[in-house]
């Protein structure tokens, strides 16, 4: 495909429709659960019905794969970028990872709900792919925590990382959706402060 083909009105329209289906799937599955949502429901919510849906996704399972593999891929790539940007400064890397994860939890709350509840509905190959990327994401945090606190064991660093995820990922369950900017900023500040304090305190004790 040439660059001209890729940016043609027809190609852009196809990409837009695909994006609309993904967005509708994210909203509906987060609200109702994967098993309760039909592919036709997703198409209707996106304004796309009938055979047109199948030009983009062969089935509902493929949409779930797109959502969960997609977010795992973006999280991993973003974490790598944060750490690369921080260089040898482990404190800066950790603060960057916390801010990056906060961007995720406030920007993609529906995906957190879907991941928590519907990961088990992925086909085996996709589930393994997500799990592998999740492990790689955790290991990035583990490495930064150990560089920041010499002597910290790998086991303790992994426990600290998972505890931080538990705190940060609780946001979609404990914060009302549709917060105004001021309320969101306040919630974000509280979560950031708690996470930094918890990781710093645990690192000192270790």
Protein backbone atom coordinates (compact mmCIF):
# COMPACT_ATOMS: atom_id res chain seq x y z
CA UNK A 1 0.00 0.00 0.00
CA UNK A 2 1.37 3.41 -0.94
CA UNK A 3 1.35 6.43 1.35
CA UNK A 4 -1.34 7.95 -0.84
CA UNK A 5 -3.51 4.84 -0.47
CA UNK A 6 -3.06 4.83 3.30
CA UNK A 7 -4.22 8.44 3.62
CA UNK A 8 -7.02 8.30 1.08
CA UNK A 9 -10.51 9.31 2.23
CA UNK A 10 -11.63 5.69 1.95
CA UNK A 11 -8.75 4.44 4.09
CA UNK A 12 -9.32 7.16 6.66
CA UNK A 13 -13.02 6.34 6.82
CA UNK A 14 -12.24 2.66 7.34
CA UNK A 15 -9.80 3.52 10.12
CA UNK A 16 -12.38 5.82 11.71
CA UNK A 17 -15.03 3.09 11.67
CA UNK A 18 -12.61 0.62 13.22
CA UNK A 19 -11.80 3.13 15.94
CA UNK A 20 -15.50 3.71 16.57
CA UNK A 21 -16.06 -0.02 17.02
CA UNK A 22 -13.14 -0.28 19.44
CA UNK A 23 -14.41 2.69 21.45
CA UNK A 24 -17.94 1.30 21.60
CA UNK A 25 -16.64 -2.12 22.65
CA UNK A 26 -14.58 -0.56 25.41
CA UNK A 27 -17.56 1.35 26.82
CA UNK A 28 -20.09 -1.47 26.60
CA UNK A 29 -17.84 -4.26 27.86
CA UNK A 30 -16.68 -2.12 30.78
CA UNK A 31 -20.27 -1.36 31.71
CA UNK A 32 -21.94 -4.72 31.15
CA UNK A 33 -19.19 -7.33 30.94
CA UNK A 34 -17.89 -9.20 27.92
CA UNK A 35 -20.37 -12.07 28.10
CA UNK A 36 -23.39 -9.76 28.25
CA UNK A 37 -22.49 -7.74 25.15
CA UNK A 38 -23.18 -8.91 21.60
CA UNK A 39 -21.19 -7.87 18.56
CA UNK A 40 -24.40 -6.40 17.16
CA UNK A 41 -24.72 -4.21 20.28
CA UNK A 42 -21.23 -2.87 19.70
CA UNK A 43 -21.97 -2.19 16.04
CA UNK A 44 -25.20 -0.39 16.87
CA UNK A 45 -23.45 1.78 19.48
CA UNK A 46 -20.86 2.72 16.87
CA UNK A 47 -23.48 3.35 14.19
CA UNK A 48 -22.24 0.36 12.19
CA UNK A 49 -24.52 -2.58 11.54
CA UNK A 50 -24.81 -5.77 9.56
CA UNK A 51 -22.00 -7.15 7.43
CA UNK A 52 -20.01 -3.92 7.80
CA UNK A 53 -18.93 -4.97 11.31
CA UNK A 54 -17.25 -8.10 9.99
CA UNK A 55 -15.08 -6.11 7.61
CA UNK A 56 -13.21 -4.90 10.68
CA UNK A 57 -13.47 -7.73 13.22
CA UNK A 58 -14.47 -11.37 12.58
CA UNK A 59 -16.07 -11.76 16.00
CA UNK A 60 -16.46 -10.23 19.45
CA UNK A 61 -13.43 -12.11 20.74
CA UNK A 62 -11.23 -10.27 18.24
CA UNK A 63 -12.38 -6.96 19.71
CA UNK A 64 -11.47 -8.10 23.21
CA UNK A 65 -8.05 -9.13 21.93
CA UNK A 66 -7.63 -5.71 20.34
CA UNK A 67 -8.50 -3.98 23.62
CA UNK A 68 -6.39 -6.00 26.04
CA UNK A 69 -3.38 -6.80 23.89
CA UNK A 70 -3.43 -3.20 22.72
CA UNK A 71 -3.33 -1.65 26.18
CA UNK A 72 -0.67 -4.10 27.38
CA UNK A 73 1.48 -3.20 24.39
CA UNK A 74 1.04 0.54 24.97
CA UNK A 75 1.81 0.26 28.68
CA UNK A 76 5.01 -1.66 28.05
CA UNK A 77 6.19 0.69 25.31
CA UNK A 78 5.40 3.73 27.44
CA UNK A 79 7.29 2.37 30.44
CA UNK A 80 10.34 1.63 28.31
CA UNK A 81 10.25 5.20 27.00
CA UNK A 82 9.96 6.66 30.51
CA UNK A 83 12.95 4.70 31.79
CA UNK A 84 15.05 5.45 28.72
CA UNK A 85 14.32 9.14 29.12
CA UNK A 86 15.38 9.07 32.80
CA UNK A 87 18.71 7.45 32.01
CA UNK A 88 20.69 6.54 35.14
CA UNK A 89 18.47 8.60 37.46
CA UNK A 90 16.44 5.91 39.25
CA UNK A 91 14.46 8.45 41.30
CA UNK A 92 13.38 10.23 38.13
CA UNK A 93 12.56 6.90 36.48
CA UNK A 94 10.32 5.84 39.37
CA UNK A 95 8.49 9.16 39.48
CA UNK A 96 8.07 8.96 35.72
CA UNK A 97 6.63 5.44 35.95
CA UNK A 98 4.17 6.52 38.64
CA UNK A 99 3.04 9.51 36.58
CA UNK A 100 2.78 7.36 33.46
CA UNK A 101 0.65 4.78 35.27
CA UNK A 102 -1.55 7.53 36.69
CA UNK A 103 -2.09 8.80 33.14
CA UNK A 104 -3.30 5.30 32.31
CA UNK A 105 -5.66 4.86 35.24
CA UNK A 106 -7.29 8.27 34.79
CA UNK A 107 -7.28 8.11 31.01
CA UNK A 108 -8.33 4.48 30.49
CA UNK A 109 -10.54 3.48 33.45
CA UNK A 110 -12.77 1.30 31.27
CA UNK A 111 -9.81 -0.78 30.16
CA UNK A 112 -8.80 -1.40 33.76
CA UNK A 113 -12.28 -2.71 34.50
CA UNK A 114 -12.20 -4.94 31.43
CA UNK A 115 -8.74 -6.25 32.26
CA UNK A 116 -9.72 -7.02 35.85
CA UNK A 117 -12.91 -8.82 34.91
CA UNK A 118 -12.60 -10.21 31.40
CA UNK A 119 -8.98 -11.23 30.89
CA UNK A 120 -10.08 -14.83 31.31
CA UNK A 121 -12.28 -14.55 28.22
CA UNK A 122 -9.29 -14.05 25.91
CA UNK A 123 -8.25 -16.97 23.71
CA UNK A 124 -5.19 -18.79 25.11
CA UNK A 125 -2.62 -17.31 22.71
CA UNK A 126 -3.77 -13.73 23.35
CA UNK A 127 -3.91 -14.33 27.10
CA UNK A 128 -0.31 -15.56 27.06
CA UNK A 129 0.68 -12.49 25.06
CA UNK A 130 -0.97 -10.16 27.58
CA UNK A 131 0.56 -12.00 30.54
CA UNK A 132 4.01 -11.82 28.97
CA UNK A 133 3.74 -8.07 28.42
CA UNK A 134 2.41 -7.61 31.95
CA UNK A 135 5.40 -9.48 33.37
CA UNK A 136 7.76 -7.35 31.31
CA UNK A 137 6.03 -4.22 32.61
CA UNK A 138 6.43 -5.41 36.20
CA UNK A 139 10.11 -6.19 35.62
CA UNK A 140 10.72 -2.62 34.48
CA UNK A 141 9.40 -1.39 37.83
CA UNK A 142 11.39 -4.05 39.69
CA UNK A 143 14.60 -2.99 38.00
CA UNK A 144 14.02 0.70 38.78
CA UNK A 145 13.14 -0.02 42.41
CA UNK A 146 16.30 -2.10 42.87
CA UNK A 147 18.49 0.53 41.23
CA UNK A 148 16.93 3.13 43.50
CA UNK A 149 17.46 1.03 46.65
CA UNK A 150 20.67 -1.03 46.55
CA UNK A 151 20.24 -4.22 48.54
CA UNK A 152 16.52 -4.51 47.82
CA UNK A 153 15.79 -8.10 46.88
CA UNK A 154 14.05 -8.98 43.65
CA UNK A 155 11.21 -10.59 45.60
CA UNK A 156 10.63 -7.50 47.72
CA UNK A 157 10.84 -5.20 44.71
CA UNK A 158 8.26 -7.27 42.86
CA UNK A 159 5.97 -7.22 45.91
CA UNK A 160 6.32 -3.43 46.09
CA UNK A 161 5.54 -3.04 42.40
CA UNK A 162 2.39 -5.14 42.65
CA UNK A 163 1.30 -3.22 45.75
CA UNK A 164 1.71 0.04 43.82
CA UNK A 165 -0.38 -1.33 40.94
CA UNK A 166 -3.06 -2.40 43.40
CA UNK A 167 -3.25 1.10 44.83
CA UNK A 168 -3.18 2.90 41.49
CA UNK A 169 -5.50 0.51 39.65
CA UNK A 170 -8.13 0.84 42.37
CA UNK A 171 -8.90 4.31 41.00
CA UNK A 172 -11.66 3.27 38.55
CA UNK A 173 -13.43 1.44 41.38
CA UNK A 174 -13.13 4.17 44.00
CA UNK A 175 -13.37 7.43 42.07
CA UNK A 176 -16.60 8.61 40.51
CA UNK A 177 -16.55 8.75 36.70
CA UNK A 178 -16.77 12.13 35.01
CA UNK A 179 -14.76 14.04 37.59
CA UNK A 180 -14.12 17.67 36.78
CA UNK A 181 -10.51 18.69 36.22
CA UNK A 182 -10.02 20.03 39.73
CA UNK A 183 -11.38 16.88 41.40
CA UNK A 184 -9.33 14.65 39.10
CA UNK A 185 -6.17 16.63 39.84
CA UNK A 186 -6.84 16.35 43.57
CA UNK A 187 -7.40 12.59 43.37
CA UNK A 188 -4.28 12.20 41.26
CA UNK A 189 -2.18 14.15 43.76
CA UNK A 190 -3.41 12.01 46.65
CA UNK A 191 -2.68 8.77 44.81
CA UNK A 192 0.74 9.95 43.67
CA UNK A 193 1.72 11.06 47.16
CA UNK A 194 0.55 7.78 48.70
CA UNK A 195 2.36 5.69 46.11
CA UNK A 196 5.65 7.58 46.41
CA UNK A 197 5.45 7.43 50.22
CA UNK A 198 4.65 3.72 50.26
CA UNK A 199 7.46 2.78 47.89
CA UNK A 200 9.96 5.05 49.63
CA UNK A 201 9.07 3.76 53.10
CA UNK A 202 9.15 0.11 52.04
CA UNK A 203 12.47 0.63 50.28
CA UNK A 204 14.05 2.13 53.39
CA UNK A 205 12.87 -0.75 55.59
CA UNK A 206 14.26 -3.24 53.09
